[in-house]
Amino acid sequence: MSIEGLIGSILQIYIYMIIAYVLLSWVPNARDSFIGELLGKVVDPYLSIFRKIIPPIGGMIDISPIIAIIALQFAASGLASVIAFILGG
């Protein structure tokens, strides 16, 4: 597996974790479960950066996970390009 492929795989796993964490917010007490707490420890530090900048729409709809996923994809794409350039690929 190439480094670009590894970065892409890690990115996809983390995006799925963000989506799962957001979906858990729709189920009462789901974030208090073992899986919810585990996902919170991994995903919340990254999402909190965007939650500080982007207020919820109408006071209820939090779009920060969407922006966080887009930013993550841009960062991973840039990182993969830099690594490919350095390695001459």
PDB file of N, CA and C in Angstrom:
ATOM      1  N   MET A   1       0.849  -1.178   0.000  1.00  0.00           N
ATOM      2  CA  MET A   1       0.000   0.000   0.000  1.00  0.00           C
ATOM      3  C   MET A   1       0.890   1.235   0.000  1.00  0.00           C
ATOM      4  N   SER A   2       0.520   2.193  -0.825  1.00  0.00           N
ATOM      5  CA  SER A   2       1.291   3.430  -0.900  1.00  0.00           C
ATOM      6  C   SER A   2       0.947   4.345   0.280  1.00  0.00           C
ATOM      7  N   ILE A   3       1.776   5.340   0.465  1.00  0.00           N
ATOM      8  CA  ILE A   3       1.528   6.293   1.556  1.00  0.00           C
ATOM      9  C   ILE A   3       0.248   7.075   1.284  1.00  0.00           C
ATOM     10  N   GLU A   4       0.015   7.418   0.021  1.00  0.00           N
ATOM     11  CA  GLU A   4      -1.215   8.129  -0.329  1.00  0.00           C
ATOM     12  C   GLU A   4      -2.445   7.280  -0.010  1.00  0.00           C
ATOM     13  N   GLY A   5      -2.353   5.987  -0.293  1.00  0.00           N
ATOM     14  CA  GLY A   5      -3.453   5.072   0.010  1.00  0.00           C
ATOM     15  C   GLY A   5      -3.688   4.940   1.503  1.00  0.00           C
ATOM     16  N   LEU A   6      -2.600   4.912   2.260  1.00  0.00           N
ATOM     17  CA  LEU A   6      -2.713   4.827   3.713  1.00  0.00           C
ATOM     18  C   LEU A   6      -3.373   6.087   4.278  1.00  0.00           C
ATOM     19  N   ILE A   7      -2.944   7.251   3.792  1.00  0.00           N
ATOM     20  CA  ILE A   7      -3.556   8.512   4.237  1.00  0.00           C
ATOM     21  C   ILE A   7      -5.036   8.541   3.887  1.00  0.00           C
ATOM     22  N   GLY A   8      -5.366   8.086   2.678  1.00  0.00           N
ATOM     23  CA  GLY A   8      -6.772   8.038   2.259  1.00  0.00           C
ATOM     24  C   GLY A   8      -7.608   7.115   3.130  1.00  0.00           C
ATOM     25  N   SER A   9      -7.043   5.985   3.495  1.00  0.00           N
ATOM     26  CA  SER A   9      -7.769   5.032   4.341  1.00  0.00           C
ATOM     27  C   SER A   9      -8.001   5.591   5.743  1.00  0.00           C
ATOM     28  N   ILE A  10      -6.973   6.197   6.309  1.00  0.00           N
ATOM     29  CA  ILE A  10      -7.113   6.805   7.636  1.00  0.00           C
ATOM     30  C   ILE A  10      -8.131   7.937   7.602  1.00  0.00           C
ATOM     31  N   LEU A  11      -8.100   8.723   6.537  1.00  0.00           N
ATOM     32  CA  LEU A  11      -9.063   9.813   6.363  1.00  0.00           C
ATOM     33  C   LEU A  11     -10.487   9.272   6.333  1.00  0.00           C
ATOM     34  N   GLN A  12     -10.711   8.226   5.543  1.00  0.00           N
ATOM     35  CA  GLN A  12     -12.059   7.659   5.441  1.00  0.00           C
ATOM     36  C   GLN A  12     -12.545   7.130   6.787  1.00  0.00           C
ATOM     37  N   ILE A  13     -11.687   6.455   7.518  1.00  0.00           N
ATOM     38  CA  ILE A  13     -12.070   5.936   8.832  1.00  0.00           C
ATOM     39  C   ILE A  13     -12.451   7.077   9.762  1.00  0.00           C
ATOM     40  N   TYR A  14     -11.659   8.154   9.773  1.00  0.00           N
ATOM     41  CA  TYR A  14     -11.944   9.283  10.651  1.00  0.00           C
ATOM     42  C   TYR A  14     -13.235   9.991  10.235  1.00  0.00           C
ATOM     43  N   ILE A  15     -13.486  10.106   8.938  1.00  0.00           N
ATOM     44  CA  ILE A  15     -14.738  10.709   8.464  1.00  0.00           C
ATOM     45  C   ILE A  15     -15.928   9.858   8.905  1.00  0.00           C
ATOM     46  N   TYR A  16     -15.803   8.542   8.805  1.00  0.00           N
ATOM     47  CA  TYR A  16     -16.881   7.662   9.268  1.00  0.00           C
ATOM     48  C   TYR A  16     -17.102   7.808  10.769  1.00  0.00           C
ATOM     49  N   MET A  17     -16.033   8.025  11.502  1.00  0.00           N
ATOM     50  CA  MET A  17     -16.161   8.228  12.950  1.00  0.00           C
ATOM     51  C   MET A  17     -16.907   9.535  13.244  1.00  0.00           C
ATOM     52  N   ILE A  18     -16.608  10.581  12.496  1.00  0.00           N
ATOM     53  CA  ILE A  18     -17.315  11.860  12.669  1.00  0.00           C
ATOM     54  C   ILE A  18     -18.799  11.680  12.358  1.00  0.00           C
ATOM     55  N   ILE A  19     -19.101  11.008  11.260  1.00  0.00           N
ATOM     56  CA  ILE A  19     -20.500  10.784  10.876  1.00  0.00           C
ATOM     57  C   ILE A  19     -21.222   9.954  11.937  1.00  0.00           C
ATOM     58  N   ALA A  20     -20.572   8.908  12.435  1.00  0.00           N
ATOM     59  CA  ALA A  20     -21.194   8.081  13.475  1.00  0.00           C
ATOM     60  C   ALA A  20     -21.450   8.904  14.731  1.00  0.00           C
ATOM     61  N   TYR A  21     -20.509   9.762  15.086  1.00  0.00           N
ATOM     62  CA  TYR A  21     -20.668  10.593  16.283  1.00  0.00           C
ATOM     63  C   TYR A  21     -21.839  11.565  16.112  1.00  0.00           C
ATOM     64  N   VAL A  22     -21.968  12.126  14.935  1.00  0.00           N
ATOM     65  CA  VAL A  22     -23.094  13.037  14.669  1.00  0.00           C
ATOM     66  C   VAL A  22     -24.412  12.268  14.724  1.00  0.00           C
ATOM     67  N   LEU A  23     -24.447  11.085  14.142  1.00  0.00           N
ATOM     68  CA  LEU A  23     -25.679  10.293  14.166  1.00  0.00           C
ATOM     69  C   LEU A  23     -26.055   9.868  15.587  1.00  0.00           C
ATOM     70  N   LEU A  24     -25.060   9.646  16.438  1.00  0.00           N
ATOM     71  CA  LEU A  24     -25.345   9.292  17.831  1.00  0.00           C
ATOM     72  C   LEU A  24     -26.046  10.429  18.569  1.00  0.00           C
ATOM     73  N   SER A  25     -25.851  11.653  18.107  1.00  0.00           N
ATOM     74  CA  SER A  25     -26.505  12.782  18.773  1.00  0.00           C
ATOM     75  C   SER A  25     -28.013  12.767  18.545  1.00  0.00           C
ATOM     76  N   TRP A  26     -28.462  12.043  17.547  1.00  0.00           N
ATOM     77  CA  TRP A  26     -29.898  11.965  17.270  1.00  0.00           C
ATOM     78  C   TRP A  26     -30.604  10.936  18.144  1.00  0.00           C
ATOM     79  N   VAL A  27     -29.851  10.048  18.776  1.00  0.00           N
ATOM     80  CA  VAL A  27     -30.426   8.996  19.615  1.00  0.00           C
ATOM     81  C   VAL A  27     -30.243   9.385  21.080  1.00  0.00           C
ATOM     82  N   PRO A  28     -31.315   9.417  21.846  1.00  0.00           N
ATOM     83  CA  PRO A  28     -31.186   9.803  23.260  1.00  0.00           C
ATOM     84  C   PRO A  28     -30.223   8.892  24.021  1.00  0.00           C
ATOM     85  N   ASN A  29     -29.346   9.498  24.785  1.00  0.00           N
ATOM     86  CA  ASN A  29     -28.370   8.821  25.651  1.00  0.00           C
ATOM     87  C   ASN A  29     -27.356   7.951  24.904  1.00  0.00           C
ATOM     88  N   ALA A  30     -27.290   8.044  23.587  1.00  0.00           N
ATOM     89  CA  ALA A  30     -26.345   7.212  22.833  1.00  0.00           C
ATOM     90  C   ALA A  30     -24.910   7.669  23.052  1.00  0.00           C
ATOM     91  N   ARG A  31     -24.716   8.967  23.257  1.00  0.00           N
ATOM     92  CA  ARG A  31     -23.356   9.462  23.482  1.00  0.00           C
ATOM     93  C   ARG A  31     -22.839   9.078  24.868  1.00  0.00           C
ATOM     94  N   ASP A  32     -23.714   8.635  25.747  1.00  0.00           N
ATOM     95  CA  ASP A  32     -23.294   8.196  27.072  1.00  0.00           C
ATOM     96  C   ASP A  32     -22.856   6.727  27.077  1.00  0.00           C
ATOM     97  N   SER A  33     -23.042   6.040  25.962  1.00  0.00           N
ATOM     98  CA  SER A  33     -22.623   4.642  25.870  1.00  0.00           C
ATOM     99  C   SER A  33     -21.107   4.564  25.703  1.00  0.00           C
ATOM    100  N   PHE A  34     -20.578   3.356  25.773  1.00  0.00           N
ATOM    101  CA  PHE A  34     -19.139   3.156  25.624  1.00  0.00           C
ATOM    102  C   PHE A  34     -18.655   3.661  24.263  1.00  0.00           C
ATOM    103  N   ILE A  35     -19.392   3.290  23.208  1.00  0.00           N
ATOM    104  CA  ILE A  35     -19.013   3.698  21.847  1.00  0.00           C
ATOM    105  C   ILE A  35     -19.113   5.221  21.714  1.00  0.00           C
ATOM    106  N   GLY A  36     -20.170   5.806  22.256  1.00  0.00           N
ATOM    107  CA  GLY A  36     -20.337   7.252  22.175  1.00  0.00           C
ATOM    108  C   GLY A  36     -19.212   8.002  22.879  1.00  0.00           C
ATOM    109  N   GLU A  37     -18.828   7.510  24.044  1.00  0.00           N
ATOM    110  CA  GLU A  37     -17.733   8.160  24.780  1.00  0.00           C
ATOM    111  C   GLU A  37     -16.405   7.983  24.058  1.00  0.00           C
ATOM    112  N   LEU A  38     -16.174   6.806  23.494  1.00  0.00           N
ATOM    113  CA  LEU A  38     -14.942   6.555  22.747  1.00  0.00           C
ATOM    114  C   LEU A  38     -14.853   7.460  21.518  1.00  0.00           C
ATOM    115  N   LEU A  39     -15.943   7.535  20.760  1.00  0.00           N
ATOM    116  CA  LEU A  39     -15.959   8.421  19.594  1.00  0.00           C
ATOM    117  C   LEU A  39     -15.789   9.879  20.016  1.00  0.00           C
ATOM    118  N   GLY A  40     -16.397  10.245  21.136  1.00  0.00           N
ATOM    119  CA  GLY A  40     -16.272  11.618  21.625  1.00  0.00           C
ATOM    120  C   GLY A  40     -14.838  11.980  21.946  1.00  0.00           C
ATOM    121  N   LYS A  41     -14.106  11.062  22.546  1.00  0.00           N
ATOM    122  CA  LYS A  41     -12.697  11.324  22.886  1.00  0.00           C
ATOM    123  C   LYS A  41     -11.832  11.491  21.644  1.00  0.00           C
ATOM    124  N   VAL A  42     -12.189  10.803  20.572  1.00  0.00           N
ATOM    125  CA  VAL A  42     -11.392  10.855  19.352  1.00  0.00           C
ATOM    126  C   VAL A  42     -11.814  12.019  18.449  1.00  0.00           C
ATOM    127  N   VAL A  43     -13.108  12.281  18.373  1.00  0.00           N
ATOM    128  CA  VAL A  43     -13.644  13.233  17.397  1.00  0.00           C
ATOM    129  C   VAL A  43     -13.849  14.639  17.976  1.00  0.00           C
ATOM    130  N   ASP A  44     -14.252  14.734  19.236  1.00  0.00           N
ATOM    131  CA  ASP A  44     -14.571  16.043  19.819  1.00  0.00           C
ATOM    132  C   ASP A  44     -13.435  17.068  19.784  1.00  0.00           C
ATOM    133  N   PRO A  45     -12.191  16.687  20.043  1.00  0.00           N
ATOM    134  CA  PRO A  45     -11.133  17.711  19.972  1.00  0.00           C
ATOM    135  C   PRO A  45     -11.044  18.369  18.592  1.00  0.00           C
ATOM    136  N   TYR A  46     -11.216  17.591  17.534  1.00  0.00           N
ATOM    137  CA  TYR A  46     -11.175  18.149  16.181  1.00  0.00           C
ATOM    138  C   TYR A  46     -12.426  18.989  15.899  1.00  0.00           C
ATOM    139  N   LEU A  47     -13.597  18.477  16.273  1.00  0.00           N
ATOM    140  CA  LEU A  47     -14.834  19.216  16.005  1.00  0.00           C
ATOM    141  C   LEU A  47     -14.940  20.493  16.832  1.00  0.00           C
ATOM    142  N   SER A  48     -14.360  20.506  18.014  1.00  0.00           N
ATOM    143  CA  SER A  48     -14.472  21.694  18.875  1.00  0.00           C
ATOM    144  C   SER A  48     -13.812  22.920  18.246  1.00  0.00           C
ATOM    145  N   ILE A  49     -12.790  22.702  17.423  1.00  0.00           N
ATOM    146  CA  ILE A  49     -12.159  23.816  16.714  1.00  0.00           C
ATOM    147  C   ILE A  49     -13.186  24.511  15.830  1.00  0.00           C
ATOM    148  N   PHE A  50     -13.978  23.753  15.122  1.00  0.00           N
ATOM    149  CA  PHE A  50     -14.964  24.310  14.203  1.00  0.00           C
ATOM    150  C   PHE A  50     -16.201  24.824  14.933  1.00  0.00           C
ATOM    151  N   ARG A  51     -16.550  24.203  16.052  1.00  0.00           N
ATOM    152  CA  ARG A  51     -17.703  24.669  16.821  1.00  0.00           C
ATOM    153  C   ARG A  51     -17.455  26.035  17.442  1.00  0.00           C
ATOM    154  N   LYS A  52     -16.182  26.357  17.728  1.00  0.00           N
ATOM    155  CA  LYS A  52     -15.855  27.681  18.265  1.00  0.00           C
ATOM    156  C   LYS A  52     -16.021  28.763  17.211  1.00  0.00           C
ATOM    157  N   ILE A  53     -15.790  28.404  15.959  1.00  0.00           N
ATOM    158  CA  ILE A  53     -15.820  29.375  14.865  1.00  0.00           C
ATOM    159  C   ILE A  53     -17.212  29.503  14.243  1.00  0.00           C
ATOM    160  N   ILE A  54     -17.897  28.376  14.067  1.00  0.00           N
ATOM    161  CA  ILE A  54     -19.166  28.342  13.341  1.00  0.00           C
ATOM    162  C   ILE A  54     -20.322  28.155  14.319  1.00  0.00           C
ATOM    163  N   PRO A  55     -21.175  29.176  14.458  1.00  0.00           N
ATOM    164  CA  PRO A  55     -22.323  29.020  15.356  1.00  0.00           C
ATOM    165  C   PRO A  55     -23.404  28.135  14.713  1.00  0.00           C
ATOM    166  N   PRO A  56     -24.220  27.483  15.531  1.00  0.00           N
ATOM    167  CA  PRO A  56     -25.323  26.688  14.975  1.00  0.00           C
ATOM    168  C   PRO A  56     -26.318  27.572  14.229  1.00  0.00           C
ATOM    169  N   ILE A  57     -26.871  27.056  13.165  1.00  0.00           N
ATOM    170  CA  ILE A  57     -27.867  27.792  12.383  1.00  0.00           C
ATOM    171  C   ILE A  57     -29.196  27.720  13.118  1.00  0.00           C
ATOM    172  N   GLY A  58     -29.788  28.864  13.353  1.00  0.00           N
ATOM    173  CA  GLY A  58     -31.059  28.910  14.056  1.00  0.00           C
ATOM    174  C   GLY A  58     -30.953  28.441  15.491  1.00  0.00           C
ATOM    175  N   GLY A  59     -29.745  28.360  16.006  1.00  0.00           N
ATOM    176  CA  GLY A  59     -29.543  27.935  17.378  1.00  0.00           C
ATOM    177  C   GLY A  59     -29.614  26.434  17.596  1.00  0.00           C
ATOM    178  N   MET A  60     -29.946  25.670  16.541  1.00  0.00           N
ATOM    179  CA  MET A  60     -30.116  24.229  16.723  1.00  0.00           C
ATOM    180  C   MET A  60     -29.320  23.369  15.746  1.00  0.00           C
ATOM    181  N   ILE A  61     -29.148  23.815  14.524  1.00  0.00           N
ATOM    182  CA  ILE A  61     -28.529  22.981  13.503  1.00  0.00           C
ATOM    183  C   ILE A  61     -27.034  23.271  13.460  1.00  0.00           C
ATOM    184  N   ASP A  62     -26.244  22.280  13.835  1.00  0.00           N
ATOM    185  CA  ASP A  62     -24.791  22.417  13.889  1.00  0.00           C
ATOM    186  C   ASP A  62     -24.197  21.907  12.578  1.00  0.00           C
ATOM    187  N   ILE A  63     -23.666  22.836  11.775  1.00  0.00           N
ATOM    188  CA  ILE A  63     -23.066  22.451  10.500  1.00  0.00           C
ATOM    189  C   ILE A  63     -21.548  22.298  10.606  1.00  0.00           C
ATOM    190  N   SER A  64     -21.011  22.466  11.801  1.00  0.00           N
ATOM    191  CA  SER A  64     -19.555  22.375  11.954  1.00  0.00           C
ATOM    192  C   SER A  64     -18.987  21.006  11.558  1.00  0.00           C
ATOM    193  N   PRO A  65     -19.690  19.878  11.761  1.00  0.00           N
ATOM    194  CA  PRO A  65     -19.122  18.611  11.287  1.00  0.00           C
ATOM    195  C   PRO A  65     -18.960  18.557   9.767  1.00  0.00           C
ATOM    196  N   ILE A  66     -19.865  19.194   9.039  1.00  0.00           N
ATOM    197  CA  ILE A  66     -19.751  19.211   7.580  1.00  0.00           C
ATOM    198  C   ILE A  66     -18.509  19.984   7.163  1.00  0.00           C
ATOM    199  N   ILE A  67     -18.325  21.161   7.762  1.00  0.00           N
ATOM    200  CA  ILE A  67     -17.155  21.981   7.456  1.00  0.00           C
ATOM    201  C   ILE A  67     -15.882  21.258   7.893  1.00  0.00           C
ATOM    202  N   ALA A  68     -15.937  20.575   9.028  1.00  0.00           N
ATOM    203  CA  ALA A  68     -14.772  19.835   9.527  1.00  0.00           C
ATOM    204  C   ALA A  68     -14.382  18.709   8.568  1.00  0.00           C
ATOM    205  N   ILE A  69     -15.361  18.014   8.011  1.00  0.00           N
ATOM    206  CA  ILE A  69     -15.077  16.940   7.061  1.00  0.00           C
ATOM    207  C   ILE A  69     -14.466  17.506   5.783  1.00  0.00           C
ATOM    208  N   ILE A  70     -15.006  18.618   5.293  1.00  0.00           N
ATOM    209  CA  ILE A  70     -14.451  19.243   4.090  1.00  0.00           C
ATOM    210  C   ILE A  70     -13.015  19.695   4.335  1.00  0.00           C
ATOM    211  N   ALA A  71     -12.764  20.318   5.482  1.00  0.00           N
ATOM    212  CA  ALA A  71     -11.401  20.758   5.812  1.00  0.00           C
ATOM    213  C   ALA A  71     -10.455  19.570   5.931  1.00  0.00           C
ATOM    214  N   LEU A  72     -10.932  18.488   6.506  1.00  0.00           N
ATOM    215  CA  LEU A  72     -10.113  17.283   6.651  1.00  0.00           C
ATOM    216  C   LEU A  72      -9.753  16.709   5.284  1.00  0.00           C
ATOM    217  N   GLN A  73     -10.706  16.714   4.367  1.00  0.00           N
ATOM    218  CA  GLN A  73     -10.426  16.203   3.030  1.00  0.00           C
ATOM    219  C   GLN A  73      -9.406  17.077   2.306  1.00  0.00           C
ATOM    220  N   PHE A  74      -9.522  18.397   2.437  1.00  0.00           N
ATOM    221  CA  PHE A  74      -8.543  19.293   1.823  1.00  0.00           C
ATOM    222  C   PHE A  74      -7.155  19.083   2.418  1.00  0.00           C
ATOM    223  N   ALA A  75      -7.085  18.969   3.731  1.00  0.00           N
ATOM    224  CA  ALA A  75      -5.795  18.779   4.397  1.00  0.00           C
ATOM    225  C   ALA A  75      -5.161  17.450   3.991  1.00  0.00           C
ATOM    226  N   ALA A  76      -5.943  16.400   3.931  1.00  0.00           N
ATOM    227  CA  ALA A  76      -5.413  15.093   3.557  1.00  0.00           C
ATOM    228  C   ALA A  76      -4.971  15.083   2.092  1.00  0.00           C
ATOM    229  N   SER A  77      -5.723  15.747   1.246  1.00  0.00           N
ATOM    230  CA  SER A  77      -5.346  15.839  -0.165  1.00  0.00           C
ATOM    231  C   SER A  77      -4.035  16.600  -0.320  1.00  0.00           C
ATOM    232  N   GLY A  78      -3.907  17.695   0.394  1.00  0.00           N
ATOM    233  CA  GLY A  78      -2.670  18.467   0.348  1.00  0.00           C
ATOM    234  C   GLY A  78      -1.495  17.687   0.890  1.00  0.00           C
ATOM    235  N   LEU A  79      -1.706  16.972   1.988  1.00  0.00           N
ATOM    236  CA  LEU A  79      -0.643  16.165   2.579  1.00  0.00           C
ATOM    237  C   LEU A  79      -0.211  15.054   1.633  1.00  0.00           C
ATOM    238  N   ALA A  80      -1.167  14.409   0.997  1.00  0.00           N
ATOM    239  CA  ALA A  80      -0.839  13.350   0.044  1.00  0.00           C
ATOM    240  C   ALA A  80      -0.056  13.917  -1.138  1.00  0.00           C
ATOM    241  N   SER A  81      -0.416  15.109  -1.603  1.00  0.00           N
ATOM    242  CA  SER A  81       0.312  15.736  -2.704  1.00  0.00           C
ATOM    243  C   SER A  81       1.736  16.076  -2.320  1.00  0.00           C
ATOM    244  N   VAL A  82       1.910  16.605  -1.124  1.00  0.00           N
ATOM    245  CA  VAL A  82       3.257  16.956  -0.654  1.00  0.00           C
ATOM    246  C   VAL A  82       4.111  15.703  -0.513  1.00  0.00           C
ATOM    247  N   ILE A  83       3.544  14.648   0.041  1.00  0.00           N
ATOM    248  CA  ILE A  83       4.293  13.394   0.204  1.00  0.00           C
ATOM    249  C   ILE A  83       4.655  12.810  -1.157  1.00  0.00           C
ATOM    250  N   ALA A  84       3.706  12.851  -2.086  1.00  0.00           N
ATOM    251  CA  ALA A  84       3.981  12.341  -3.443  1.00  0.00           C
ATOM    252  C   ALA A  84       5.084  13.156  -4.106  1.00  0.00           C
ATOM    253  N   PHE A  85       5.090  14.471  -3.896  1.00  0.00           N
ATOM    254  CA  PHE A  85       6.126  15.329  -4.470  1.00  0.00           C
ATOM    255  C   PHE A  85       7.487  15.018  -3.861  1.00  0.00           C
ATOM    256  N   ILE A  86       7.508  14.850  -2.552  1.00  0.00           N
ATOM    257  CA  ILE A  86       8.780  14.575  -1.854  1.00  0.00           C
ATOM    258  C   ILE A  86       9.345  13.224  -2.285  1.00  0.00           C
ATOM    259  N   LEU A  87       8.472  12.247  -2.425  1.00  0.00           N
ATOM    260  CA  LEU A  87       8.932  10.908  -2.782  1.00  0.00           C
ATOM    261  C   LEU A  87       9.132  10.753  -4.298  1.00  0.00           C
ATOM    262  N   GLY A  88       8.791  11.792  -5.043  1.00  0.00           N
ATOM    263  CA  GLY A  88       9.016  11.747  -6.484  1.00  0.00           C
ATOM    264  C   GLY A  88       8.013  10.933  -7.246  1.00  0.00           C
ATOM    265  N   GLY A  89       6.812  10.795  -6.695  1.00  0.00           N
ATOM    266  CA  GLY A  89       5.793   9.990  -7.352  1.00  0.00           C
ATOM    267  C   GLY A  89       4.867  10.777  -8.079  1.00  0.00           C
TER     268      GLY A  89
END
